Every structure is written in structure tokens, then in C-alpha cells.
PDB file of N, CA and C in Angstrom:
ATOM      1  N   MET A   1      13.354  13.148  -3.600  1.00  0.00           N
ATOM      2  CA  MET A   1      13.245  12.011  -2.787  1.00  0.00           C
ATOM      3  C   MET A   1      12.467  11.150  -4.133  1.00  0.00           C
ATOM      4  N   MET A   2      12.918   9.857  -4.209  1.00  0.00           N
ATOM      5  CA  MET A   2      12.438   8.584  -4.647  1.00  0.00           C
ATOM      6  C   MET A   2      11.585   7.744  -4.396  1.00  0.00           C
ATOM      7  N   HIS A   3      10.504   7.142  -4.874  1.00  0.00           N
ATOM      8  CA  HIS A   3       9.906   5.948  -4.140  1.00  0.00           C
ATOM      9  C   HIS A   3      10.052   4.791  -5.029  1.00  0.00           C
ATOM     10  N   PHE A   4      10.143   4.118  -4.180  1.00  0.00           N
ATOM     11  CA  PHE A   4      10.429   2.553  -4.909  1.00  0.00           C
ATOM     12  C   PHE A   4       9.188   1.582  -4.710  1.00  0.00           C
ATOM     13  N   ASP A   5       8.966   0.655  -5.401  1.00  0.00           N
ATOM     14  CA  ASP A   5       7.775  -0.270  -5.289  1.00  0.00           C
ATOM     15  C   ASP A   5       8.646  -1.553  -5.863  1.00  0.00           C
ATOM     16  N   PHE A   6       8.561  -2.613  -4.812  1.00  0.00           N
ATOM     17  CA  PHE A   6       9.005  -3.928  -5.017  1.00  0.00           C
ATOM     18  C   PHE A   6       7.921  -5.006  -5.069  1.00  0.00           C
ATOM     19  N   GLN A   7       8.395  -5.764  -6.330  1.00  0.00           N
ATOM     20  CA  GLN A   7       7.355  -7.021  -6.453  1.00  0.00           C
ATOM     21  C   GLN A   7       7.983  -7.951  -5.622  1.00  0.00           C
ATOM     22  N   VAL A   8       6.558  -8.589  -5.154  1.00  0.00           N
ATOM     23  CA  VAL A   8       7.242  -9.732  -4.046  1.00  0.00           C
ATOM     24  C   VAL A   8       6.186 -10.991  -4.346  1.00  0.00           C
ATOM     25  N   GLY A   9       6.808 -11.838  -4.015  1.00  0.00           N
ATOM     26  CA  GLY A   9       5.750 -13.304  -4.361  1.00  0.00           C
ATOM     27  C   GLY A   9       4.831 -13.563  -3.099  1.00  0.00           C
ATOM     28  N   ASP A  10       5.147 -13.365  -2.149  1.00  0.00           N
ATOM     29  CA  ASP A  10       4.442 -13.280  -0.790  1.00  0.00           C
ATOM     30  C   ASP A  10       4.375 -12.268  -0.146  1.00  0.00           C
ATOM     31  N   LEU A  11       3.015 -11.637   0.080  1.00  0.00           N
ATOM     32  CA  LEU A  11       3.086  -9.978   0.700  1.00  0.00           C
ATOM     33  C   LEU A  11       3.433 -10.359   2.166  1.00  0.00           C
ATOM     34  N   ASP A  12       2.880 -11.201   2.757  1.00  0.00           N
ATOM     35  CA  ASP A  12       2.841 -11.014   4.230  1.00  0.00           C
ATOM     36  C   ASP A  12       4.383 -11.441   4.590  1.00  0.00           C
ATOM     37  N   SER A  13       5.069 -12.460   3.762  1.00  0.00           N
ATOM     38  CA  SER A  13       6.666 -12.631   3.985  1.00  0.00           C
ATOM     39  C   SER A  13       7.265 -11.457   4.093  1.00  0.00           C
ATOM     40  N   ALA A  14       7.239 -10.917   3.157  1.00  0.00           N
ATOM     41  CA  ALA A  14       7.737  -9.660   2.616  1.00  0.00           C
ATOM     42  C   ALA A  14       7.642  -8.387   3.565  1.00  0.00           C
ATOM     43  N   VAL A  15       6.325  -8.543   4.131  1.00  0.00           N
ATOM     44  CA  VAL A  15       6.375  -7.419   5.030  1.00  0.00           C
ATOM     45  C   VAL A  15       6.786  -7.725   6.368  1.00  0.00           C
ATOM     46  N   ALA A  16       6.686  -8.752   6.440  1.00  0.00           N
ATOM     47  CA  ALA A  16       7.283  -9.419   8.023  1.00  0.00           C
ATOM     48  C   ALA A  16       8.982  -8.909   7.927  1.00  0.00           C
ATOM     49  N   GLU A  17       9.719  -9.466   6.770  1.00  0.00           N
ATOM     50  CA  GLU A  17      11.236  -9.345   6.544  1.00  0.00           C
ATOM     51  C   GLU A  17      11.110  -8.062   6.506  1.00  0.00           C
ATOM     52  N   ALA A  18      10.766  -7.276   6.100  1.00  0.00           N
ATOM     53  CA  ALA A  18      10.987  -5.702   6.113  1.00  0.00           C
ATOM     54  C   ALA A  18      10.836  -5.075   7.329  1.00  0.00           C
ATOM     55  N   VAL A  19       9.642  -5.454   7.955  1.00  0.00           N
ATOM     56  CA  VAL A  19       9.793  -4.938   9.469  1.00  0.00           C
ATOM     57  C   VAL A  19      10.744  -5.509  10.477  1.00  0.00           C
ATOM     58  N   ALA A  20      11.216  -6.816  10.319  1.00  0.00           N
ATOM     59  CA  ALA A  20      12.509  -7.276  10.929  1.00  0.00           C
ATOM     60  C   ALA A  20      13.558  -6.411  10.679  1.00  0.00           C
ATOM     61  N   LEU A  21      13.719  -5.970   9.619  1.00  0.00           N
ATOM     62  CA  LEU A  21      14.763  -4.922   9.442  1.00  0.00           C
ATOM     63  C   LEU A  21      14.592  -3.408   9.605  1.00  0.00           C
ATOM     64  N   GLY A  22      13.561  -3.011  10.101  1.00  0.00           N
ATOM     65  CA  GLY A  22      13.520  -1.825  10.674  1.00  0.00           C
ATOM     66  C   GLY A  22      12.387  -0.912  10.001  1.00  0.00           C
ATOM     67  N   ALA A  23      11.706  -1.568   8.978  1.00  0.00           N
ATOM     68  CA  ALA A  23      10.351  -0.538   8.294  1.00  0.00           C
ATOM     69  C   ALA A  23       9.159  -0.603   9.378  1.00  0.00           C
ATOM     70  N   THR A  24       8.264   0.268   9.161  1.00  0.00           N
ATOM     71  CA  THR A  24       7.183   0.408   9.723  1.00  0.00           C
ATOM     72  C   THR A  24       5.842   0.583   8.947  1.00  0.00           C
ATOM     73  N   PRO A  25       4.794  -0.389   9.114  1.00  0.00           N
ATOM     74  CA  PRO A  25       3.620  -0.368   7.968  1.00  0.00           C
ATOM     75  C   PRO A  25       2.911   1.011   8.257  1.00  0.00           C
ATOM     76  N   ALA A  26       2.786   1.900   7.241  1.00  0.00           N
ATOM     77  CA  ALA A  26       2.138   2.898   7.143  1.00  0.00           C
ATOM     78  C   ALA A  26       0.432   2.759   7.764  1.00  0.00           C
ATOM     79  N   GLU A  27      -0.168   3.665   8.258  1.00  0.00           N
ATOM     80  CA  GLU A  27      -1.403   3.590   8.821  1.00  0.00           C
ATOM     81  C   GLU A  27      -2.462   3.558   7.413  1.00  0.00           C
ATOM     82  N   ASP A  28      -2.017   4.072   6.427  1.00  0.00           N
ATOM     83  CA  ASP A  28      -3.201   4.255   5.412  1.00  0.00           C
ATOM     84  C   ASP A  28      -2.480   2.872   4.303  1.00  0.00           C
ATOM     85  N   GLN A  29      -3.518   2.012   4.271  1.00  0.00           N
ATOM     86  CA  GLN A  29      -3.071   0.910   3.339  1.00  0.00           C
ATOM     87  C   GLN A  29      -4.265   0.843   2.106  1.00  0.00           C
ATOM     88  N   PRO A  30      -4.104   1.670   1.112  1.00  0.00           N
ATOM     89  CA  PRO A  30      -5.114   1.946  -0.084  1.00  0.00           C
ATOM     90  C   PRO A  30      -5.532   0.657  -1.023  1.00  0.00           C
ATOM     91  N   GLN A  31      -4.723  -0.128  -1.045  1.00  0.00           N
ATOM     92  CA  GLN A  31      -4.632  -1.355  -1.871  1.00  0.00           C
ATOM     93  C   GLN A  31      -4.601  -2.713  -1.350  1.00  0.00           C
ATOM     94  N   GLU A  32      -5.407  -3.463  -1.622  1.00  0.00           N
ATOM     95  CA  GLU A  32      -5.435  -5.086  -1.103  1.00  0.00           C
ATOM     96  C   GLU A  32      -3.957  -5.711  -1.400  1.00  0.00           C
ATOM     97  N   ASN A  33      -3.548  -5.696  -2.472  1.00  0.00           N
ATOM     98  CA  ASN A  33      -2.397  -6.276  -3.197  1.00  0.00           C
ATOM     99  C   ASN A  33      -1.204  -5.467  -2.936  1.00  0.00           C
ATOM    100  N   VAL A  34      -0.929  -4.178  -2.482  1.00  0.00           N
ATOM    101  CA  VAL A  34       0.145  -3.318  -2.084  1.00  0.00           C
ATOM    102  C   VAL A  34       0.188  -3.461  -0.519  1.00  0.00           C
ATOM    103  N   ARG A  35       1.271  -3.290   0.002  1.00  0.00           N
ATOM    104  CA  ARG A  35       1.613  -2.710   1.414  1.00  0.00           C
ATOM    105  C   ARG A  35       2.684  -1.622   1.174  1.00  0.00           C
ATOM    106  N   VAL A  36       2.138  -0.430   1.836  1.00  0.00           N
ATOM    107  CA  VAL A  36       2.894   0.920   1.871  1.00  0.00           C
ATOM    108  C   VAL A  36       3.751   0.458   3.332  1.00  0.00           C
ATOM    109  N   LEU A  37       5.162   0.883   3.469  1.00  0.00           N
ATOM    110  CA  LEU A  37       5.726   0.890   4.811  1.00  0.00           C
ATOM    111  C   LEU A  37       6.698   2.024   4.358  1.00  0.00           C
ATOM    112  N   LEU A  38       7.303   2.301   5.921  1.00  0.00           N
ATOM    113  CA  LEU A  38       8.223   3.453   5.996  1.00  0.00           C
ATOM    114  C   LEU A  38       9.442   3.193   6.332  1.00  0.00           C
ATOM    115  N   ASP A  39      10.754   3.537   5.783  1.00  0.00           N
ATOM    116  CA  ASP A  39      12.035   3.074   6.271  1.00  0.00           C
ATOM    117  C   ASP A  39      12.264   3.627   7.566  1.00  0.00           C
ATOM    118  N   PRO A  40      13.071   3.218   8.302  1.00  0.00           N
ATOM    119  CA  PRO A  40      13.656   3.788   9.283  1.00  0.00           C
ATOM    120  C   PRO A  40      13.782   5.368   9.476  1.00  0.00           C
ATOM    121  N   ALA A  41      14.079   5.979   8.398  1.00  0.00           N
ATOM    122  CA  ALA A  41      14.338   7.481   8.108  1.00  0.00           C
ATOM    123  C   ALA A  41      13.088   8.234   7.877  1.00  0.00           C
ATOM    124  N   GLY A  42      11.563   7.225   7.508  1.00  0.00           N
ATOM    125  CA  GLY A  42      10.387   7.900   7.377  1.00  0.00           C
ATOM    126  C   GLY A  42      10.376   7.716   5.913  1.00  0.00           C
ATOM    127  N   HIS A  43      10.891   7.488   5.048  1.00  0.00           N
ATOM    128  CA  HIS A  43      10.622   7.434   3.377  1.00  0.00           C
ATOM    129  C   HIS A  43       9.672   6.241   3.037  1.00  0.00           C
ATOM    130  N   PRO A  44       8.511   6.456   2.526  1.00  0.00           N
ATOM    131  CA  PRO A  44       7.522   5.469   1.899  1.00  0.00           C
ATOM    132  C   PRO A  44       8.133   4.554   0.984  1.00  0.00           C
ATOM    133  N   PHE A  45       7.898   3.439   0.849  1.00  0.00           N
ATOM    134  CA  PHE A  45       7.987   2.414  -0.228  1.00  0.00           C
ATOM    135  C   PHE A  45       6.806   1.231  -0.195  1.00  0.00           C
ATOM    136  N   CYS A  46       6.497   0.805  -1.252  1.00  0.00           N
ATOM    137  CA  CYS A  46       5.687  -0.044  -1.436  1.00  0.00           C
ATOM    138  C   CYS A  46       6.198  -1.704  -1.881  1.00  0.00           C
ATOM    139  N   LEU A  47       5.501  -2.695  -0.977  1.00  0.00           N
ATOM    140  CA  LEU A  47       5.649  -4.220  -1.550  1.00  0.00           C
ATOM    141  C   LEU A  47       4.545  -4.371  -2.416  1.00  0.00           C
ATOM    142  N   CYS A  48       4.634  -4.882  -3.710  1.00  0.00           N
ATOM    143  CA  CYS A  48       3.232  -5.090  -4.350  1.00  0.00           C
ATOM    144  C   CYS A  48       3.544  -6.568  -4.754  1.00  0.00           C
ATOM    145  N   LEU A  49       2.171  -7.167  -4.748  1.00  0.00           N
ATOM    146  CA  LEU A  49       2.024  -8.623  -4.992  1.00  0.00           C
ATOM    147  C   LEU A  49       1.997  -8.980  -6.292  1.00  0.00           C
ATOM    148  N   ASP A  50       3.363  -9.692  -6.563  1.00  0.00           N
ATOM    149  CA  ASP A  50       3.290 -10.344  -8.172  1.00  0.00           C
ATOM    150  C   ASP A  50       2.261 -11.151  -8.204  1.00  0.00           C
ATOM    151  N   GLU A  51       1.189 -11.300  -9.053  1.00  0.00           N
ATOM    152  CA  GLU A  51       0.295 -12.117  -9.240  1.00  0.00           C
ATOM    153  C   GLU A  51       0.492 -12.790 -10.696  1.00  0.00           C
ATOM    154  N   GLY A  52       1.812 -12.614 -11.332  1.00  0.00           N
ATOM    155  CA  GLY A  52       1.991 -13.079 -12.780  1.00  0.00           C
ATOM    156  C   GLY A  52       2.531 -14.858 -12.325  1.00  0.00           C
TER     157      GLY A  52
END
């Protein structure tokens, strides 16, 4: 299994879009600038705030 990290410009909007597409936020969120989500099959991926 591979793990994907996606850089996004707006973390809240990216999470909302991912959830609308079927993702679920994971219970454990270890970092303030990263959101861990699960795809519909349960595979984790991260949305990372691009602060650059």
C-alpha cells in the first residue's frame, strides 16, 4: 500500500472537498497543518498545508 501526501493552499476547503468525494477524517490528527483522511476503502492519505 502507498501513502499519498497532497499539498493544498487551503486546508479547510481541501478537507471539505475530499469529504464531499467520500473521504472521512481520521480520529487522530497529529499535526496542526496536516489533515489525515481515509478514502472510501479505508486507506489513509494526508492533506498538507502549503505554507510556501
